Structure formats: structure tokens, C-alpha cells
Amino acid sequence: MYQISVQTRARTELVDITSQIAGVVSEAGIGDALCNVFVPHTTAGVTINENADPSVVHDILKVVDSVIPFHDPGYRHSEGNSAAHIKSSILGCSLNVIVEGGSLKLGTWQGIFFAEFDGPRSRKVWVSFSALV
């Protein structure tokens, strides 16, 4: 298993970690496999989406924040970060990407994003590999 560190700078943020994950693939010397990306945090997640146009990230965060607001009188969690937990649960904490010939098999416009919902913080992402069957 490998670990990468992510330093977030805002309460809600999508950080492109594609190059770090590709670096782990290279470092591991993986040819063909399934790359497992896991975020071990309850107020963060991981997703794949467009990394060519930053307005896509802006739009995603705008909608997520409007659908799940940070302040709601109905929230009961005493730490005040209920929205972050909800966003993390909806987005998910893991994903898989095929590795073929030592490269991530992502679409032309796709990137892997760490999703911060309770920042800024120092975070980690765990990466492992499974054999393709």
C-alpha cells in the first residue's frame, strides 16, 4: 500500500491528485492492474471528473454546497460539520482505475480529485493495486 499527502486550503475544495496517483503507479512498477484509491476520512472523498476546465470544479462545488448547505438548523451533530459528513457519504471514499501498460486508463478529460468538505486540513490518500482477472 502507498500513501500520498494532500494539503487543502479551503473548507470545500476539489484537488486534482491525478499526477500523484500516476506517480505511485510508476513508483510501484505496475504494468496491468486495478488501482484502488481510498480516502480514510469521514469528511472527505474522491471522485473522477473533468480536469481540463477549472469551471467544472467550480460548478460541482457550487451545486454540492447549495444542495447540502453547511448551516441547517436541523443538523444535530455537535461538531458543526454535518454537511461535510453528508457530502463525503454521497460522493464516496474510494474508486478504482484500470492501469494498463503502466499508465492510468482515464478518459481524455478525466482526472482524479480529492474532495475536501471540512478543510483546510492535512489529509492522506491510500493507494493499492489488485490484479486484473
N, C-alpha and C. Protein backbone atom coordinates (compact mmCIF):
# COMPACT_ATOMS: atom_id res chain seq x y z
N MET A 1 0.84 -1.18 0.00
CA MET A 1 0.00 0.00 0.00
C MET A 1 0.88 1.24 0.00
N TYR A 2 0.44 2.27 -0.68
CA TYR A 2 1.15 3.54 -0.77
C TYR A 2 0.27 4.63 -0.17
N GLN A 3 0.89 5.71 0.23
CA GLN A 3 0.15 6.84 0.78
C GLN A 3 0.65 8.13 0.15
N ILE A 4 -0.29 8.99 -0.22
CA ILE A 4 0.07 10.34 -0.65
C ILE A 4 -0.57 11.32 0.32
N SER A 5 0.04 12.48 0.45
CA SER A 5 -0.47 13.54 1.31
C SER A 5 -1.12 14.62 0.47
N VAL A 6 -2.19 15.18 0.99
CA VAL A 6 -2.91 16.27 0.33
C VAL A 6 -3.12 17.37 1.36
N GLN A 7 -2.67 18.56 1.04
CA GLN A 7 -2.90 19.73 1.89
C GLN A 7 -3.98 20.57 1.25
N THR A 8 -5.13 20.68 1.92
CA THR A 8 -6.20 21.50 1.36
C THR A 8 -6.12 22.91 1.93
N ARG A 9 -6.70 23.85 1.20
CA ARG A 9 -6.59 25.26 1.56
C ARG A 9 -7.92 25.95 1.82
N ALA A 10 -9.02 25.21 1.61
CA ALA A 10 -10.35 25.80 1.77
C ALA A 10 -11.28 24.81 2.44
N ARG A 11 -12.40 25.30 2.92
CA ARG A 11 -13.38 24.43 3.58
C ARG A 11 -13.89 23.36 2.61
N THR A 12 -14.22 23.78 1.40
CA THR A 12 -14.69 22.88 0.36
C THR A 12 -13.79 23.06 -0.85
N GLU A 13 -13.24 21.96 -1.34
CA GLU A 13 -12.25 22.07 -2.41
C GLU A 13 -12.13 20.73 -3.13
N LEU A 14 -11.91 20.77 -4.43
CA LEU A 14 -11.53 19.59 -5.20
C LEU A 14 -10.08 19.78 -5.64
N VAL A 15 -9.23 18.86 -5.22
CA VAL A 15 -7.80 18.94 -5.51
C VAL A 15 -7.46 17.84 -6.51
N ASP A 16 -6.92 18.22 -7.65
CA ASP A 16 -6.54 17.25 -8.68
C ASP A 16 -5.31 16.47 -8.19
N ILE A 17 -5.49 15.17 -7.96
CA ILE A 17 -4.39 14.33 -7.48
C ILE A 17 -3.96 13.31 -8.54
N THR A 18 -4.37 13.52 -9.79
CA THR A 18 -4.06 12.59 -10.86
C THR A 18 -2.57 12.34 -10.99
N SER A 19 -1.77 13.39 -10.97
CA SER A 19 -0.33 13.20 -11.16
C SER A 19 0.30 12.45 -9.98
N GLN A 20 -0.21 12.69 -8.77
CA GLN A 20 0.32 11.95 -7.61
C GLN A 20 -0.01 10.46 -7.71
N ILE A 21 -1.23 10.15 -8.14
CA ILE A 21 -1.62 8.74 -8.29
C ILE A 21 -0.80 8.10 -9.42
N ALA A 22 -0.62 8.82 -10.51
CA ALA A 22 0.21 8.30 -11.61
C ALA A 22 1.65 8.07 -11.13
N GLY A 23 2.13 8.94 -10.26
CA GLY A 23 3.47 8.77 -9.70
C GLY A 23 3.58 7.51 -8.86
N VAL A 24 2.55 7.19 -8.11
CA VAL A 24 2.53 5.96 -7.32
C VAL A 24 2.55 4.74 -8.25
N VAL A 25 1.76 4.80 -9.32
CA VAL A 25 1.74 3.71 -10.30
C VAL A 25 3.15 3.49 -10.85
N SER A 26 3.80 4.57 -11.21
CA SER A 26 5.16 4.49 -11.75
C SER A 26 6.14 3.95 -10.71
N GLU A 27 6.08 4.49 -9.49
CA GLU A 27 6.96 4.07 -8.41
C GLU A 27 6.79 2.58 -8.10
N ALA A 28 5.55 2.10 -8.16
CA ALA A 28 5.26 0.70 -7.85
C ALA A 28 5.67 -0.24 -8.97
N GLY A 29 5.92 0.32 -10.15
CA GLY A 29 6.30 -0.52 -11.28
C GLY A 29 5.16 -1.40 -11.76
N ILE A 30 3.95 -0.88 -11.64
CA ILE A 30 2.75 -1.64 -12.01
C ILE A 30 2.59 -1.63 -13.52
N GLY A 31 2.33 -2.81 -14.11
CA GLY A 31 2.07 -2.90 -15.54
C GLY A 31 0.58 -2.84 -15.81
N ASP A 32 -0.10 -3.93 -15.48
CA ASP A 32 -1.55 -4.02 -15.65
C ASP A 32 -2.16 -4.39 -14.30
N ALA A 33 -3.13 -3.62 -13.84
CA ALA A 33 -3.75 -3.86 -12.55
C ALA A 33 -4.96 -2.96 -12.39
N LEU A 34 -5.59 -3.10 -11.25
CA LEU A 34 -6.65 -2.19 -10.84
C LEU A 34 -6.07 -1.34 -9.73
N CYS A 35 -6.10 -0.02 -9.89
CA CYS A 35 -5.58 0.91 -8.90
C CYS A 35 -6.73 1.30 -7.98
N ASN A 36 -6.57 0.98 -6.70
CA ASN A 36 -7.58 1.29 -5.69
C ASN A 36 -7.18 2.57 -4.96
N VAL A 37 -8.02 3.58 -5.00
CA VAL A 37 -7.76 4.86 -4.34
C VAL A 37 -8.77 4.99 -3.20
N PHE A 38 -8.27 5.16 -1.97
CA PHE A 38 -9.13 5.20 -0.79
C PHE A 38 -8.78 6.40 0.08
N VAL A 39 -9.81 7.11 0.52
CA VAL A 39 -9.65 8.27 1.39
C VAL A 39 -10.13 7.88 2.79
N PRO A 40 -9.22 7.82 3.79
CA PRO A 40 -9.59 7.38 5.13
C PRO A 40 -10.09 8.51 6.04
N HIS A 41 -11.01 9.29 5.53
CA HIS A 41 -11.55 10.42 6.29
C HIS A 41 -13.06 10.44 6.14
N THR A 42 -13.77 10.84 7.19
CA THR A 42 -15.24 10.85 7.13
C THR A 42 -15.82 12.17 6.62
N THR A 43 -14.96 13.15 6.35
CA THR A 43 -15.45 14.42 5.83
C THR A 43 -14.74 14.79 4.53
N ALA A 44 -14.30 13.78 3.81
CA ALA A 44 -13.63 13.98 2.52
C ALA A 44 -14.00 12.81 1.62
N GLY A 45 -13.66 12.92 0.35
CA GLY A 45 -13.97 11.85 -0.59
C GLY A 45 -13.05 11.89 -1.78
N VAL A 46 -13.41 11.12 -2.80
CA VAL A 46 -12.62 11.06 -4.02
C VAL A 46 -13.58 10.85 -5.19
N THR A 47 -13.26 11.47 -6.31
CA THR A 47 -14.11 11.35 -7.49
C THR A 47 -13.28 11.51 -8.75
N ILE A 48 -13.86 11.13 -9.86
CA ILE A 48 -13.26 11.34 -11.18
C ILE A 48 -14.17 12.28 -11.95
N ASN A 49 -13.56 13.32 -12.53
CA ASN A 49 -14.32 14.24 -13.36
C ASN A 49 -13.35 15.00 -14.25
N GLU A 50 -13.87 15.99 -14.95
CA GLU A 50 -13.04 16.75 -15.90
C GLU A 50 -11.99 17.57 -15.17
N ASN A 51 -10.74 17.48 -15.66
CA ASN A 51 -9.67 18.29 -15.08
C ASN A 51 -9.07 19.26 -16.09
N ALA A 52 -9.74 19.46 -17.21
CA ALA A 52 -9.21 20.38 -18.22
C ALA A 52 -9.70 21.80 -18.02
N ASP A 53 -10.92 21.98 -17.58
CA ASP A 53 -11.52 23.30 -17.42
C ASP A 53 -11.88 23.51 -15.95
N PRO A 54 -11.21 24.43 -15.24
CA PRO A 54 -11.48 24.64 -13.82
C PRO A 54 -12.91 25.08 -13.50
N SER A 55 -13.64 25.55 -14.49
CA SER A 55 -15.01 25.95 -14.22
C SER A 55 -15.89 24.74 -13.86
N VAL A 56 -15.51 23.55 -14.31
CA VAL A 56 -16.26 22.35 -13.95
C VAL A 56 -16.17 22.12 -12.44
N VAL A 57 -14.97 22.23 -11.87
CA VAL A 57 -14.78 22.07 -10.43
C VAL A 57 -15.61 23.12 -9.68
N HIS A 58 -15.55 24.35 -10.14
CA HIS A 58 -16.34 25.42 -9.53
C HIS A 58 -17.81 25.07 -9.52
N ASP A 59 -18.33 24.62 -10.67
CA ASP A 59 -19.75 24.31 -10.78
C ASP A 59 -20.15 23.14 -9.90
N ILE A 60 -19.32 22.12 -9.83
CA ILE A 60 -19.61 20.97 -8.96
C ILE A 60 -19.72 21.43 -7.51
N LEU A 61 -18.73 22.16 -7.05
CA LEU A 61 -18.74 22.62 -5.65
C LEU A 61 -19.92 23.55 -5.37
N LYS A 62 -20.26 24.41 -6.33
CA LYS A 62 -21.39 25.32 -6.15
C LYS A 62 -22.69 24.54 -5.93
N VAL A 63 -22.91 23.53 -6.75
CA VAL A 63 -24.15 22.75 -6.63
C VAL A 63 -24.15 21.91 -5.36
N VAL A 64 -23.03 21.25 -5.05
CA VAL A 64 -22.97 20.43 -3.84
C VAL A 64 -23.22 21.30 -2.61
N ASP A 65 -22.60 22.48 -2.56
CA ASP A 65 -22.80 23.37 -1.41
C ASP A 65 -24.23 23.91 -1.33
N SER A 66 -24.88 24.10 -2.48
CA SER A 66 -26.25 24.61 -2.44
C SER A 66 -27.24 23.50 -2.05
N VAL A 67 -26.99 22.28 -2.47
CA VAL A 67 -27.88 21.17 -2.14
C VAL A 67 -27.70 20.74 -0.69
N ILE A 68 -26.46 20.77 -0.21
CA ILE A 68 -26.14 20.36 1.16
C ILE A 68 -25.46 21.54 1.85
N PRO A 69 -26.22 22.48 2.39
CA PRO A 69 -25.63 23.69 2.99
C PRO A 69 -24.89 23.37 4.29
N PHE A 70 -23.91 24.19 4.60
CA PHE A 70 -23.13 23.98 5.82
C PHE A 70 -23.96 24.26 7.07
N HIS A 71 -24.86 25.19 6.99
CA HIS A 71 -25.66 25.56 8.17
C HIS A 71 -27.12 25.20 7.92
N ASP A 72 -27.64 24.35 8.79
CA ASP A 72 -29.03 23.95 8.72
C ASP A 72 -29.49 23.72 10.16
N PRO A 73 -30.55 24.37 10.58
CA PRO A 73 -30.98 24.24 11.97
C PRO A 73 -31.37 22.81 12.36
N GLY A 74 -31.59 21.95 11.39
CA GLY A 74 -31.96 20.58 11.67
C GLY A 74 -30.79 19.64 11.96
N TYR A 75 -29.56 20.09 11.66
CA TYR A 75 -28.41 19.24 11.93
C TYR A 75 -28.25 19.03 13.43
N ARG A 76 -27.86 17.82 13.85
CA ARG A 76 -27.70 17.51 15.26
C ARG A 76 -26.26 17.25 15.68
N HIS A 77 -25.39 16.94 14.74
CA HIS A 77 -24.00 16.61 15.07
C HIS A 77 -23.32 17.79 15.76
N SER A 78 -22.80 17.56 16.94
CA SER A 78 -22.30 18.66 17.79
C SER A 78 -21.04 19.33 17.27
N GLU A 79 -20.30 18.69 16.38
CA GLU A 79 -19.06 19.31 15.88
C GLU A 79 -19.32 20.39 14.83
N GLY A 80 -20.53 20.48 14.33
CA GLY A 80 -20.86 21.51 13.37
C GLY A 80 -20.43 21.21 11.94
N ASN A 81 -20.10 19.96 11.65
CA ASN A 81 -19.67 19.63 10.29
C ASN A 81 -20.54 18.52 9.68
N SER A 82 -21.80 18.53 10.02
CA SER A 82 -22.73 17.53 9.48
C SER A 82 -22.73 17.53 7.95
N ALA A 83 -22.73 18.71 7.36
CA ALA A 83 -22.76 18.80 5.90
C ALA A 83 -21.56 18.09 5.28
N ALA A 84 -20.40 18.21 5.91
CA ALA A 84 -19.19 17.56 5.39
C ALA A 84 -19.34 16.04 5.41
N HIS A 85 -19.94 15.50 6.47
CA HIS A 85 -20.16 14.06 6.55
C HIS A 85 -21.14 13.59 5.47
N ILE A 86 -22.18 14.36 5.26
CA ILE A 86 -23.18 14.02 4.24
C ILE A 86 -22.54 14.04 2.85
N LYS A 87 -21.81 15.10 2.55
CA LYS A 87 -21.16 15.22 1.24
C LYS A 87 -20.20 14.07 1.00
N SER A 88 -19.42 13.72 2.02
CA SER A 88 -18.49 12.60 1.90
C SER A 88 -19.22 11.30 1.61
N SER A 89 -20.30 11.06 2.32
CA SER A 89 -21.06 9.83 2.12
C SER A 89 -21.65 9.74 0.72
N ILE A 90 -22.14 10.86 0.23
CA ILE A 90 -22.75 10.87 -1.11
C ILE A 90 -21.70 10.67 -2.19
N LEU A 91 -20.56 11.36 -2.06
CA LEU A 91 -19.52 11.27 -3.08
C LEU A 91 -18.79 9.93 -3.01
N GLY A 92 -18.49 9.46 -1.83
CA GLY A 92 -17.79 8.19 -1.66
C GLY A 92 -16.34 8.39 -1.29
N CYS A 93 -15.78 7.36 -0.67
CA CYS A 93 -14.41 7.46 -0.18
C CYS A 93 -13.43 6.60 -0.97
N SER A 94 -13.89 5.97 -2.04
CA SER A 94 -12.97 5.13 -2.82
C SER A 94 -13.39 5.07 -4.27
N LEU A 95 -12.41 4.69 -5.10
CA LEU A 95 -12.67 4.45 -6.51
C LEU A 95 -11.58 3.54 -7.04
N ASN A 96 -11.83 3.00 -8.22
CA ASN A 96 -10.87 2.13 -8.89
C ASN A 96 -10.61 2.67 -10.29
N VAL A 97 -9.35 2.57 -10.70
CA VAL A 97 -8.96 2.98 -12.05
C VAL A 97 -8.12 1.85 -12.64
N ILE A 98 -8.40 1.49 -13.86
CA ILE A 98 -7.61 0.46 -14.54
C ILE A 98 -6.23 1.04 -14.86
N VAL A 99 -5.21 0.21 -14.64
CA VAL A 99 -3.84 0.53 -15.06
C VAL A 99 -3.49 -0.45 -16.17
N GLU A 100 -3.06 0.08 -17.29
CA GLU A 100 -2.68 -0.76 -18.42
C GLU A 100 -1.34 -0.29 -18.96
N GLY A 101 -0.41 -1.18 -19.06
CA GLY A 101 0.92 -0.83 -19.57
C GLY A 101 1.60 0.24 -18.73
N GLY A 102 1.32 0.24 -17.44
CA GLY A 102 1.96 1.19 -16.53
C GLY A 102 1.34 2.57 -16.50
N SER A 103 0.18 2.75 -17.15
CA SER A 103 -0.50 4.05 -17.17
C SER A 103 -1.94 3.93 -16.72
N LEU A 104 -2.41 4.98 -16.02
CA LEU A 104 -3.81 5.05 -15.65
C LEU A 104 -4.67 5.14 -16.91
N LYS A 105 -5.74 4.37 -16.97
CA LYS A 105 -6.64 4.38 -18.12
C LYS A 105 -7.80 5.32 -17.82
N LEU A 106 -7.53 6.61 -17.97
CA LEU A 106 -8.55 7.64 -17.78
C LEU A 106 -8.94 8.19 -19.13
N GLY A 107 -10.17 8.69 -19.24
CA GLY A 107 -10.61 9.33 -20.47
C GLY A 107 -9.83 10.61 -20.72
N THR A 108 -9.93 11.11 -21.91
CA THR A 108 -9.16 12.29 -22.34
C THR A 108 -9.26 13.45 -21.36
N TRP A 109 -10.44 13.72 -20.84
CA TRP A 109 -10.64 14.89 -19.99
C TRP A 109 -10.73 14.54 -18.51
N GLN A 110 -10.52 13.28 -18.17
CA GLN A 110 -10.73 12.85 -16.79
C GLN A 110 -9.50 13.05 -15.91
N GLY A 111 -9.78 13.38 -14.65
CA GLY A 111 -8.76 13.46 -13.62
C GLY A 111 -9.33 12.92 -12.32
N ILE A 112 -8.44 12.58 -11.40
CA ILE A 112 -8.83 12.08 -10.10
C ILE A 112 -8.75 13.24 -9.11
N PHE A 113 -9.83 13.46 -8.38
CA PHE A 113 -9.90 14.59 -7.46
C PHE A 113 -10.11 14.13 -6.02
N PHE A 114 -9.31 14.70 -5.11
CA PHE A 114 -9.57 14.58 -3.69
C PHE A 114 -10.61 15.64 -3.37
N ALA A 115 -11.67 15.25 -2.68
CA ALA A 115 -12.76 16.17 -2.36
C ALA A 115 -12.73 16.51 -0.87
N GLU A 116 -12.41 17.76 -0.59
CA GLU A 116 -12.37 18.26 0.79
C GLU A 116 -13.70 18.92 1.12
N PHE A 117 -14.27 18.55 2.28
CA PHE A 117 -15.53 19.15 2.71
C PHE A 117 -15.46 19.72 4.12
N ASP A 118 -14.28 19.68 4.75
CA ASP A 118 -14.14 20.17 6.12
C ASP A 118 -12.74 20.72 6.36
N GLY A 119 -12.26 21.48 5.39
CA GLY A 119 -10.89 21.97 5.45
C GLY A 119 -10.80 23.37 6.00
N PRO A 120 -9.62 23.93 5.89
CA PRO A 120 -8.41 23.30 5.35
C PRO A 120 -7.80 22.31 6.33
N ARG A 121 -7.17 21.28 5.76
CA ARG A 121 -6.58 20.21 6.57
C ARG A 121 -5.43 19.54 5.83
N SER A 122 -4.66 18.79 6.59
CA SER A 122 -3.68 17.87 6.02
C SER A 122 -4.38 16.52 5.93
N ARG A 123 -4.41 15.96 4.75
CA ARG A 123 -5.14 14.71 4.51
C ARG A 123 -4.22 13.66 3.90
N LYS A 124 -4.73 12.44 3.84
CA LYS A 124 -3.98 11.38 3.19
C LYS A 124 -4.89 10.58 2.28
N VAL A 125 -4.27 9.95 1.31
CA VAL A 125 -4.96 9.09 0.38
C VAL A 125 -4.15 7.80 0.29
N TRP A 126 -4.82 6.66 0.42
CA TRP A 126 -4.14 5.39 0.32
C TRP A 126 -4.38 4.80 -1.07
N VAL A 127 -3.32 4.21 -1.61
CA VAL A 127 -3.38 3.63 -2.96
C VAL A 127 -2.86 2.19 -2.88
N SER A 128 -3.61 1.29 -3.46
CA SER A 128 -3.17 -0.10 -3.54
C SER A 128 -3.52 -0.63 -4.92
N PHE A 129 -3.08 -1.84 -5.18
CA PHE A 129 -3.29 -2.43 -6.51
C PHE A 129 -3.83 -3.85 -6.38
N SER A 130 -4.72 -4.19 -7.29
CA SER A 130 -5.29 -5.53 -7.37
C SER A 130 -5.02 -6.07 -8.76
N ALA A 131 -4.81 -7.35 -8.83
CA ALA A 131 -4.57 -7.98 -10.13
C ALA A 131 -5.84 -7.96 -10.97
N LEU A 132 -5.67 -7.74 -12.25
CA LEU A 132 -6.80 -7.84 -13.17
C LEU A 132 -7.03 -9.32 -13.47
N VAL A 133 -8.28 -9.72 -13.42
CA VAL A 133 -8.59 -11.13 -13.65
C VAL A 133 -9.14 -11.32 -15.03
